[in-house]
PDB file of all heavy atoms in Angstrom:
ATOM      1  N   ALA A   1      92.217 -32.493 -31.866  1.00  0.00           N
ATOM      2  CA  ALA A   1      91.142 -31.536 -31.567  1.00  0.00           C
ATOM      3  C   ALA A   1      90.897 -30.634 -32.770  1.00  0.00           C
ATOM      4  O   ALA A   1      89.742 -30.375 -33.142  1.00  0.00           O
ATOM      5  CB  ALA A   1      91.515 -30.704 -30.343  1.00  0.00           C
ATOM      6  N   LEU A   2      91.968 -30.169 -33.392  1.00  0.00           N
ATOM      7  CA  LEU A   2      91.838 -29.311 -34.575  1.00  0.00           C
ATOM      8  C   LEU A   2      91.174 -30.052 -35.733  1.00  0.00           C
ATOM      9  O   LEU A   2      90.407 -29.460 -36.501  1.00  0.00           O
ATOM     10  CB  LEU A   2      93.207 -28.793 -35.000  1.00  0.00           C
ATOM     11  CG  LEU A   2      93.796 -27.683 -34.134  1.00  0.00           C
ATOM     12  CD1 LEU A   2      95.265 -27.438 -34.492  1.00  0.00           C
ATOM     13  CD2 LEU A   2      93.006 -26.380 -34.295  1.00  0.00           C
ATOM     14  N   SER A   3      91.441 -31.347 -35.846  1.00  0.00           N
ATOM     15  CA  SER A   3      90.819 -32.117 -36.935  1.00  0.00           C
ATOM     16  C   SER A   3      89.306 -32.203 -36.759  1.00  0.00           C
ATOM     17  O   SER A   3      88.554 -32.155 -37.729  1.00  0.00           O
ATOM     18  CB  SER A   3      91.427 -33.523 -37.005  1.00  0.00           C
ATOM     19  OG  SER A   3      90.988 -34.349 -35.943  1.00  0.00           O
ATOM     20  N   TYR A   4      88.839 -32.311 -35.501  1.00  0.00           N
ATOM     21  CA  TYR A   4      87.393 -32.315 -35.241  1.00  0.00           C
ATOM     22  C   TYR A   4      86.785 -30.952 -35.602  1.00  0.00           C
ATOM     23  O   TYR A   4      85.673 -30.881 -36.125  1.00  0.00           O
ATOM     24  CB  TYR A   4      87.112 -32.626 -33.771  1.00  0.00           C
ATOM     25  CG  TYR A   4      87.160 -34.099 -33.422  1.00  0.00           C
ATOM     26  CD1 TYR A   4      88.089 -34.599 -32.511  1.00  0.00           C
ATOM     27  CD2 TYR A   4      86.245 -34.989 -33.969  1.00  0.00           C
ATOM     28  CE1 TYR A   4      88.132 -35.944 -32.179  1.00  0.00           C
ATOM     29  CE2 TYR A   4      86.275 -36.340 -33.639  1.00  0.00           C
ATOM     30  CZ  TYR A   4      87.217 -36.810 -32.748  1.00  0.00           C
ATOM     31  OH  TYR A   4      87.245 -38.145 -32.434  1.00  0.00           O
ATOM     32  N   ALA A   5      87.519 -29.883 -35.296  1.00  0.00           N
ATOM     33  CA  ALA A   5      87.024 -28.541 -35.609  1.00  0.00           C
ATOM     34  C   ALA A   5      86.972 -28.318 -37.114  1.00  0.00           C
ATOM     35  O   ALA A   5      86.019 -27.715 -37.632  1.00  0.00           O
ATOM     36  CB  ALA A   5      87.915 -27.494 -34.950  1.00  0.00           C
ATOM     37  N   LYS A   6      87.978 -28.814 -37.826  1.00  0.00           N
ATOM     38  CA  LYS A   6      88.033 -28.613 -39.284  1.00  0.00           C
ATOM     39  C   LYS A   6      86.909 -29.353 -39.993  1.00  0.00           C
ATOM     40  O   LYS A   6      86.410 -28.897 -41.021  1.00  0.00           O
ATOM     41  CB  LYS A   6      89.403 -29.046 -39.816  1.00  0.00           C
ATOM     42  CG  LYS A   6      90.522 -28.094 -39.439  1.00  0.00           C
ATOM     43  CD  LYS A   6      91.883 -28.594 -39.891  1.00  0.00           C
ATOM     44  CE  LYS A   6      92.978 -27.615 -39.475  1.00  0.00           C
ATOM     45  NZ  LYS A   6      94.344 -28.128 -39.818  1.00  0.00           N
ATOM     46  N   ARG A   7      86.537 -30.514 -39.462  1.00  0.00           N
ATOM     47  CA  ARG A   7      85.421 -31.241 -40.095  1.00  0.00           C
ATOM     48  C   ARG A   7      84.072 -30.824 -39.515  1.00  0.00           C
ATOM     49  O   ARG A   7      83.035 -31.377 -39.881  1.00  0.00           O
ATOM     50  CB  ARG A   7      85.624 -32.744 -39.985  1.00  0.00           C
ATOM     51  CG  ARG A   7      85.414 -33.382 -38.634  1.00  0.00           C
ATOM     52  CD  ARG A   7      85.534 -34.888 -38.792  1.00  0.00           C
ATOM     53  NE  ARG A   7      85.472 -35.630 -37.560  1.00  0.00           N
ATOM     54  CZ  ARG A   7      84.343 -36.016 -36.967  1.00  0.00           C
ATOM     55  NH1 ARG A   7      83.177 -35.709 -37.504  1.00  0.00           N
ATOM     56  NH2 ARG A   7      84.386 -36.714 -35.841  1.00  0.00           N
ATOM     57  N   LYS A   8      84.113 -29.831 -38.606  1.00  0.00           N
ATOM     58  CA  LYS A   8      82.899 -29.245 -38.039  1.00  0.00           C
ATOM     59  C   LYS A   8      81.984 -30.308 -37.425  1.00  0.00           C
ATOM     60  O   LYS A   8      80.787 -30.384 -37.745  1.00  0.00           O
ATOM     61  CB  LYS A   8      82.156 -28.426 -39.094  1.00  0.00           C
ATOM     62  CG  LYS A   8      82.971 -27.262 -39.617  1.00  0.00           C
ATOM     63  CD  LYS A   8      82.204 -26.453 -40.655  1.00  0.00           C
ATOM     64  CE  LYS A   8      83.040 -25.275 -41.152  1.00  0.00           C
ATOM     65  NZ  LYS A   8      82.342 -24.468 -42.167  1.00  0.00           N
ATOM     66  N   ALA A   9      82.557 -31.106 -36.552  1.00  0.00           N
ATOM     67  CA  ALA A   9      81.771 -32.131 -35.857  1.00  0.00           C
ATOM     68  C   ALA A   9      80.631 -31.469 -35.096  1.00  0.00           C
ATOM     69  O   ALA A   9      80.849 -30.505 -34.359  1.00  0.00           O
ATOM     70  CB  ALA A   9      82.663 -32.911 -34.896  1.00  0.00           C
ATOM     71  N   PRO A  10      79.397 -31.938 -35.251  1.00  0.00           N
ATOM     72  CA  PRO A  10      78.246 -31.316 -34.577  1.00  0.00           C
ATOM     73  C   PRO A  10      78.210 -31.607 -33.086  1.00  0.00           C
ATOM     74  O   PRO A  10      78.891 -32.525 -32.608  1.00  0.00           O
ATOM     75  CB  PRO A  10      77.042 -31.951 -35.288  1.00  0.00           C
ATOM     76  CG  PRO A  10      77.558 -33.287 -35.741  1.00  0.00           C
ATOM     77  CD  PRO A  10      78.998 -33.074 -36.091  1.00  0.00           C
ATOM     78  N   PHE A  11      77.413 -30.834 -32.364  1.00  0.00           N
ATOM     79  CA  PHE A  11      77.265 -31.044 -30.922  1.00  0.00           C
ATOM     80  C   PHE A  11      76.407 -32.276 -30.659  1.00  0.00           C
ATOM     81  O   PHE A  11      75.428 -32.542 -31.364  1.00  0.00           O
ATOM     82  CB  PHE A  11      76.637 -29.819 -30.256  1.00  0.00           C
ATOM     83  CG  PHE A  11      76.673 -29.872 -28.753  1.00  0.00           C
ATOM     84  CD1 PHE A  11      77.808 -29.475 -28.066  1.00  0.00           C
ATOM     85  CD2 PHE A  11      75.582 -30.338 -28.028  1.00  0.00           C
ATOM     86  CE1 PHE A  11      77.861 -29.543 -26.678  1.00  0.00           C
ATOM     87  CE2 PHE A  11      75.618 -30.405 -26.644  1.00  0.00           C
ATOM     88  CZ  PHE A  11      76.768 -29.998 -25.973  1.00  0.00           C
ATOM     89  N   ASP A  12      76.762 -33.009 -29.635  1.00  0.00           N
ATOM     90  CA  ASP A  12      76.058 -34.240 -29.271  1.00  0.00           C
ATOM     91  C   ASP A  12      74.939 -33.923 -28.281  1.00  0.00           C
ATOM     92  O   ASP A  12      75.150 -33.923 -27.065  1.00  0.00           O
ATOM     93  CB  ASP A  12      77.054 -35.228 -28.665  1.00  0.00           C
ATOM     94  CG  ASP A  12      76.407 -36.561 -28.307  1.00  0.00           C
ATOM     95  OD1 ASP A  12      75.222 -36.749 -28.624  1.00  0.00           O
ATOM     96  OD2 ASP A  12      77.090 -37.413 -27.712  1.00  0.00           O
ATOM     97  N   TYR A  13      73.748 -33.678 -28.800  1.00  0.00           N
ATOM     98  CA  TYR A  13      72.609 -33.355 -27.931  1.00  0.00           C
ATOM     99  C   TYR A  13      72.037 -34.608 -27.255  1.00  0.00           C
ATOM    100  O   TYR A  13      71.216 -34.488 -26.343  1.00  0.00           O
ATOM    101  CB  TYR A  13      71.511 -32.647 -28.728  1.00  0.00           C
ATOM    102  CG  TYR A  13      71.895 -31.247 -29.151  1.00  0.00           C
ATOM    103  CD1 TYR A  13      72.409 -31.004 -30.427  1.00  0.00           C
ATOM    104  CD2 TYR A  13      71.772 -30.174 -28.275  1.00  0.00           C
ATOM    105  CE1 TYR A  13      72.773 -29.728 -30.816  1.00  0.00           C
ATOM    106  CE2 TYR A  13      72.139 -28.891 -28.650  1.00  0.00           C
ATOM    107  CZ  TYR A  13      72.636 -28.668 -29.921  1.00  0.00           C
ATOM    108  OH  TYR A  13      73.007 -27.398 -30.309  1.00  0.00           O
ATOM    109  N   ASP A  14      72.453 -35.788 -27.707  1.00  0.00           N
ATOM    110  CA  ASP A  14      72.023 -37.027 -27.057  1.00  0.00           C
ATOM    111  C   ASP A  14      72.962 -37.403 -25.910  1.00  0.00           C
ATOM    112  O   ASP A  14      72.660 -38.321 -25.148  1.00  0.00           O
ATOM    113  CB  ASP A  14      71.999 -38.172 -28.079  1.00  0.00           C
ATOM    114  CG  ASP A  14      70.933 -37.977 -29.135  1.00  0.00           C
ATOM    115  OD1 ASP A  14      69.863 -37.444 -28.796  1.00  0.00           O
ATOM    116  OD2 ASP A  14      71.176 -38.353 -30.294  1.00  0.00           O
ATOM    117  N   PHE A  15      74.099 -36.719 -25.815  1.00  0.00           N
ATOM    118  CA  PHE A  15      75.101 -36.991 -24.771  1.00  0.00           C
ATOM    119  C   PHE A  15      75.438 -38.476 -24.720  1.00  0.00           C
ATOM    120  O   PHE A  15      75.435 -39.104 -23.667  1.00  0.00           O
ATOM    121  CB  PHE A  15      74.611 -36.480 -23.415  1.00  0.00           C
ATOM    122  CG  PHE A  15      74.442 -34.984 -23.389  1.00  0.00           C
ATOM    123  CD1 PHE A  15      73.202 -34.410 -23.633  1.00  0.00           C
ATOM    124  CD2 PHE A  15      75.528 -34.147 -23.169  1.00  0.00           C
ATOM    125  CE1 PHE A  15      73.054 -33.027 -23.637  1.00  0.00           C
ATOM    126  CE2 PHE A  15      75.387 -32.775 -23.174  1.00  0.00           C
ATOM    127  CZ  PHE A  15      74.153 -32.204 -23.406  1.00  0.00           C
ATOM    128  N   ASN A  16      75.739 -39.000 -25.920  1.00  0.00           N
ATOM    129  CA  ASN A  16      76.087 -40.412 -26.061  1.00  0.00           C
ATOM    130  C   ASN A  16      77.603 -40.541 -26.148  1.00  0.00           C
ATOM    131  O   ASN A  16      78.209 -40.231 -27.178  1.00  0.00           O
ATOM    132  CB  ASN A  16      75.427 -40.991 -27.309  1.00  0.00           C
ATOM    133  CG  ASN A  16      75.717 -42.474 -27.490  1.00  0.00           C
ATOM    134  OD1 ASN A  16      76.438 -43.078 -26.692  1.00  0.00           O
ATOM    135  ND2 ASN A  16      75.154 -43.054 -28.525  1.00  0.00           N
ATOM    136  N   LEU A  17      78.208 -41.007 -25.083  1.00  0.00           N
ATOM    137  CA  LEU A  17      79.664 -41.085 -24.998  1.00  0.00           C
ATOM    138  C   LEU A  17      80.256 -42.128 -25.940  1.00  0.00           C
ATOM    139  O   LEU A  17      81.452 -42.119 -26.218  1.00  0.00           O
ATOM    140  CB  LEU A  17      80.069 -41.405 -23.549  1.00  0.00           C
ATOM    141  CG  LEU A  17      81.532 -41.217 -23.153  1.00  0.00           C
ATOM    142  CD1 LEU A  17      82.002 -39.796 -23.431  1.00  0.00           C
ATOM    143  CD2 LEU A  17      81.728 -41.551 -21.679  1.00  0.00           C
ATOM    144  N   ASN A  18      79.430 -43.009 -26.475  1.00  0.00           N
ATOM    145  CA  ASN A  18      79.923 -44.084 -27.334  1.00  0.00           C
ATOM    146  C   ASN A  18      79.853 -43.756 -28.818  1.00  0.00           C
ATOM    147  O   ASN A  18      80.146 -44.603 -29.654  1.00  0.00           O
ATOM    148  CB  ASN A  18      79.123 -45.368 -27.063  1.00  0.00           C
ATOM    149  CG  ASN A  18      79.259 -45.833 -25.630  1.00  0.00           C
ATOM    150  OD1 ASN A  18      80.369 -45.903 -25.104  1.00  0.00           O
ATOM    151  ND2 ASN A  18      78.145 -46.148 -24.988  1.00  0.00           N
ATOM    152  N   ASP A  19      79.487 -42.525 -29.153  1.00  0.00           N
ATOM    153  CA  ASP A  19      79.321 -42.137 -30.548  1.00  0.00           C
ATOM    154  C   ASP A  19      80.206 -40.929 -30.848  1.00  0.00           C
ATOM    155  O   ASP A  19      80.082 -39.892 -30.200  1.00  0.00           O
ATOM    156  CB  ASP A  19      77.850 -41.794 -30.809  1.00  0.00           C
ATOM    157  CG  ASP A  19      77.603 -41.370 -32.239  1.00  0.00           C
ATOM    158  OD1 ASP A  19      78.503 -41.542 -33.078  1.00  0.00           O
ATOM    159  OD2 ASP A  19      76.507 -40.858 -32.521  1.00  0.00           O
ATOM    160  N   THR A  20      81.097 -41.052 -31.837  1.00  0.00           N
ATOM    161  CA  THR A  20      82.015 -39.950 -32.156  1.00  0.00           C
ATOM    162  C   THR A  20      81.548 -39.102 -33.329  1.00  0.00           C
ATOM    163  O   THR A  20      82.256 -38.187 -33.745  1.00  0.00           O
ATOM    164  CB  THR A  20      83.421 -40.491 -32.478  1.00  0.00           C
ATOM    165  OG1 THR A  20      83.339 -41.386 -33.595  1.00  0.00           O
ATOM    166  CG2 THR A  20      84.023 -41.213 -31.295  1.00  0.00           C
ATOM    167  N   THR A  21      80.362 -39.380 -33.865  1.00  0.00           N
ATOM    168  CA  THR A  21      79.877 -38.564 -34.986  1.00  0.00           C
ATOM    169  C   THR A  21      79.458 -37.177 -34.516  1.00  0.00           C
ATOM    170  O   THR A  21      79.430 -36.226 -35.300  1.00  0.00           O
ATOM    171  CB  THR A  21      78.687 -39.247 -35.685  1.00  0.00           C
ATOM    172  OG1 THR A  21      77.629 -39.457 -34.728  1.00  0.00           O
ATOM    173  CG2 THR A  21      79.118 -40.576 -36.284  1.00  0.00           C
ATOM    174  N   SER A  22      79.115 -37.053 -33.251  1.00  0.00           N
ATOM    175  CA  SER A  22      78.808 -35.755 -32.636  1.00  0.00           C
ATOM    176  C   SER A  22      79.421 -35.768 -31.239  1.00  0.00           C
ATOM    177  O   SER A  22      79.592 -36.829 -30.641  1.00  0.00           O
ATOM    178  CB  SER A  22      77.297 -35.509 -32.582  1.00  0.00           C
ATOM    179  OG  SER A  22      76.645 -36.548 -31.877  1.00  0.00           O
ATOM    180  N   LEU A  23      79.733 -34.568 -30.727  1.00  0.00           N
ATOM    181  CA  LEU A  23      80.516 -34.494 -29.493  1.00  0.00           C
ATOM    182  C   LEU A  23      80.052 -33.364 -28.585  1.00  0.00           C
ATOM    183  O   LEU A  23      79.757 -32.268 -29.066  1.00  0.00           O
ATOM    184  CB  LEU A  23      81.994 -34.262 -29.831  1.00  0.00           C
ATOM    185  CG  LEU A  23      82.691 -35.317 -30.702  1.00  0.00           C
ATOM    186  CD1 LEU A  23      83.953 -34.736 -31.316  1.00  0.00           C
ATOM    187  CD2 LEU A  23      83.018 -36.554 -29.890  1.00  0.00           C
ATOM    188  N   TYR A  24      79.990 -33.628 -27.276  1.00  0.00           N
ATOM    189  CA  TYR A  24      79.863 -32.534 -26.315  1.00  0.00           C
ATOM    190  C   TYR A  24      81.249 -32.262 -25.745  1.00  0.00           C
ATOM    191  O   TYR A  24      82.216 -32.969 -26.076  1.00  0.00           O
ATOM    192  CB  TYR A  24      78.820 -32.842 -25.228  1.00  0.00           C
ATOM    193  CG  TYR A  24      79.019 -34.107 -24.434  1.00  0.00           C
ATOM    194  CD1 TYR A  24      79.835 -34.130 -23.313  1.00  0.00           C
ATOM    195  CD2 TYR A  24      78.367 -35.287 -24.792  1.00  0.00           C
ATOM    196  CE1 TYR A  24      80.004 -35.283 -22.557  1.00  0.00           C
ATOM    197  CE2 TYR A  24      78.536 -36.451 -24.050  1.00  0.00           C
ATOM    198  CZ  TYR A  24      79.349 -36.442 -22.937  1.00  0.00           C
ATOM    199  OH  TYR A  24      79.522 -37.586 -22.198  1.00  0.00           O
ATOM    200  N   CYS A  25      81.396 -31.250 -24.900  1.00  0.00           N
ATOM    201  CA  CYS A  25      82.729 -30.722 -24.592  1.00  0.00           C
ATOM    202  C   CYS A  25      83.690 -31.739 -23.981  1.00  0.00           C
ATOM    203  O   CYS A  25      84.801 -31.947 -24.482  1.00  0.00           O
ATOM    204  CB  CYS A  25      82.627 -29.472 -23.728  1.00  0.00           C
ATOM    205  SG  CYS A  25      81.911 -29.717 -22.080  1.00  0.00           S
ATOM    206  N   SER A  26      83.294 -32.414 -22.906  1.00  0.00           N
ATOM    207  CA  SER A  26      84.205 -33.373 -22.277  1.00  0.00           C
ATOM    208  C   SER A  26      84.339 -34.633 -23.108  1.00  0.00           C
ATOM    209  O   SER A  26      85.385 -35.303 -23.073  1.00  0.00           O
ATOM    210  CB  SER A  26      83.744 -33.705 -20.851  1.00  0.00           C
ATOM    211  OG  SER A  26      82.416 -34.172 -20.841  1.00  0.00           O
ATOM    212  N   GLU A  27      83.315 -34.965 -23.872  1.00  0.00           N
ATOM    213  CA  GLU A  27      83.376 -36.133 -24.758  1.00  0.00           C
ATOM    214  C   GLU A  27      84.464 -35.947 -25.807  1.00  0.00           C
ATOM    215  O   GLU A  27      85.185 -36.903 -26.149  1.00  0.00           O
ATOM    216  CB  GLU A  27      82.014 -36.344 -25.431  1.00  0.00           C
ATOM    217  CG  GLU A  27      81.958 -37.557 -26.345  1.00  0.00           C
ATOM    218  CD  GLU A  27      80.619 -37.676 -27.069  1.00  0.00           C
ATOM    219  OE1 GLU A  27      79.856 -36.690 -27.074  1.00  0.00           O
ATOM    220  OE2 GLU A  27      80.362 -38.741 -27.647  1.00  0.00           O
ATOM    221  N   LEU A  28      84.602 -34.735 -26.329  1.00  0.00           N
ATOM    222  CA  LEU A  28      85.657 -34.422 -27.296  1.00  0.00           C
ATOM    223  C   LEU A  28      87.025 -34.821 -26.745  1.00  0.00           C
ATOM    224  O   LEU A  28      87.811 -35.510 -27.407  1.00  0.00           O
ATOM    225  CB  LEU A  28      85.630 -32.922 -27.615  1.00  0.00           C
ATOM    226  CG  LEU A  28      86.845 -32.341 -28.343  1.00  0.00           C
ATOM    227  CD1 LEU A  28      86.926 -32.888 -29.765  1.00  0.00           C
ATOM    228  CD2 LEU A  28      86.780 -30.813 -28.350  1.00  0.00           C
ATOM    229  N   ILE A  29      87.309 -34.408 -25.525  1.00  0.00           N
ATOM    230  CA  ILE A  29      88.609 -34.687 -24.909  1.00  0.00           C
ATOM    231  C   ILE A  29      88.772 -36.168 -24.610  1.00  0.00           C
ATOM    232  O   ILE A  29      89.823 -36.760 -24.863  1.00  0.00           O
ATOM    233  CB  ILE A  29      88.775 -33.851 -23.621  1.00  0.00           C
ATOM    234  CG1 ILE A  29      88.749 -32.363 -23.969  1.00  0.00           C
ATOM    235  CG2 ILE A  29      90.068 -34.212 -22.895  1.00  0.00           C
ATOM    236  CD1 ILE A  29      88.708 -31.447 -22.760  1.00  0.00           C
ATOM    237  N   LEU A  30      87.729 -36.790 -24.092  1.00  0.00           N
ATOM    238  CA  LEU A  30      87.813 -38.205 -23.736  1.00  0.00           C
ATOM    239  C   LEU A  30      88.086 -39.087 -24.945  1.00  0.00           C
ATOM    240  O   LEU A  30      88.871 -40.043 -24.875  1.00  0.00           O
ATOM    241  CB  LEU A  30      86.531 -38.642 -23.031  1.00  0.00           C
ATOM    242  CG  LEU A  30      86.337 -38.085 -21.619  1.00  0.00           C
ATOM    243  CD1 LEU A  30      84.934 -38.376 -21.102  1.00  0.00           C
ATOM    244  CD2 LEU A  30      87.382 -38.651 -20.664  1.00  0.00           C
ATOM    245  N   HIS A  31      87.468 -38.796 -26.079  1.00  0.00           N
ATOM    246  CA  HIS A  31      87.703 -39.582 -27.287  1.00  0.00           C
ATOM    247  C   HIS A  31      89.133 -39.407 -27.795  1.00  0.00           C
ATOM    248  O   HIS A  31      89.752 -40.362 -28.277  1.00  0.00           O
ATOM    249  CB  HIS A  31      86.702 -39.199 -28.378  1.00  0.00           C
ATOM    250  CG  HIS A  31      85.360 -39.825 -28.213  1.00  0.00           C
ATOM    251  ND1 HIS A  31      85.187 -41.186 -28.032  1.00  0.00           N
ATOM    252  CD2 HIS A  31      84.110 -39.293 -28.182  1.00  0.00           C
ATOM    253  CE1 HIS A  31      83.899 -41.462 -27.908  1.00  0.00           C
ATOM    254  NE2 HIS A  31      83.228 -40.329 -27.987  1.00  0.00           N
ATOM    255  N   ILE A  32      89.653 -38.187 -27.677  1.00  0.00           N
ATOM    256  CA  ILE A  32      91.035 -37.938 -28.092  1.00  0.00           C
ATOM    257  C   ILE A  32      92.007 -38.728 -27.218  1.00  0.00           C
ATOM    258  O   ILE A  32      92.936 -39.364 -27.716  1.00  0.00           O
ATOM    259  CB  ILE A  32      91.358 -36.434 -28.027  1.00  0.00           C
ATOM    260  CG1 ILE A  32      90.548 -35.675 -29.080  1.00  0.00           C
ATOM    261  CG2 ILE A  32      92.851 -36.194 -28.247  1.00  0.00           C
ATOM    262  CD1 ILE A  32      90.671 -34.167 -28.978  1.00  0.00           C
ATOM    263  N   LEU A  33      91.786 -38.712 -25.913  1.00  0.00           N
ATOM    264  CA  LEU A  33      92.681 -39.430 -24.991  1.00  0.00           C
ATOM    265  C   LEU A  33      92.629 -40.939 -25.219  1.00  0.00           C
ATOM    266  O   LEU A  33      93.648 -41.634 -25.106  1.00  0.00           O
ATOM    267  CB  LEU A  33      92.311 -39.108 -23.542  1.00  0.00           C
ATOM    268  CG  LEU A  33      92.446 -37.644 -23.109  1.00  0.00           C
ATOM    269  CD1 LEU A  33      92.127 -37.501 -21.634  1.00  0.00           C
ATOM    270  CD2 LEU A  33      93.843 -37.114 -23.396  1.00  0.00           C
ATOM    271  N   GLU A  34      91.451 -41.426 -25.571  1.00  0.00           N
ATOM    272  CA  GLU A  34      91.334 -42.860 -25.832  1.00  0.00           C
ATOM    273  C   GLU A  34      92.034 -43.236 -27.137  1.00  0.00           C
ATOM    274  O   GLU A  34      92.743 -44.245 -27.202  1.00  0.00           O
ATOM    275  CB  GLU A  34      89.860 -43.271 -25.891  1.00  0.00           C
ATOM    276  CG  GLU A  34      89.664 -44.764 -26.094  1.00  0.00           C
ATOM    277  CD  GLU A  34      88.235 -45.211 -25.889  1.00  0.00           C
ATOM    278  OE1 GLU A  34      87.328 -44.353 -25.913  1.00  0.00           O
ATOM    279  OE2 GLU A  34      88.022 -46.421 -25.704  1.00  0.00           O
ATOM    280  N   GLU A  35      91.845 -42.422 -28.171  1.00  0.00           N
ATOM    281  CA  GLU A  35      92.434 -42.737 -29.468  1.00  0.00           C
ATOM    282  C   GLU A  35      93.959 -42.608 -29.458  1.00  0.00           C
ATOM    283  O   GLU A  35      94.671 -43.454 -30.001  1.00  0.00           O
ATOM    284  CB  GLU A  35      91.860 -41.818 -30.552  1.00  0.00           C
ATOM    285  CG  GLU A  35      92.470 -42.066 -31.921  1.00  0.00           C
ATOM    286  CD  GLU A  35      91.891 -41.169 -32.997  1.00  0.00           C
ATOM    287  OE1 GLU A  35      90.743 -40.690 -32.822  1.00  0.00           O
ATOM    288  OE2 GLU A  35      92.577 -40.939 -34.011  1.00  0.00           O
TER     289      GLU A  35
END
């Protein structure tokens, strides 16, 4: 989670769960749990 914050990942306004270049709140957690 801290690594995403350090690279300043932008907010995912498309709400695309399959894309990690931008993230909304629950998507952030889901990608971490998957990885």
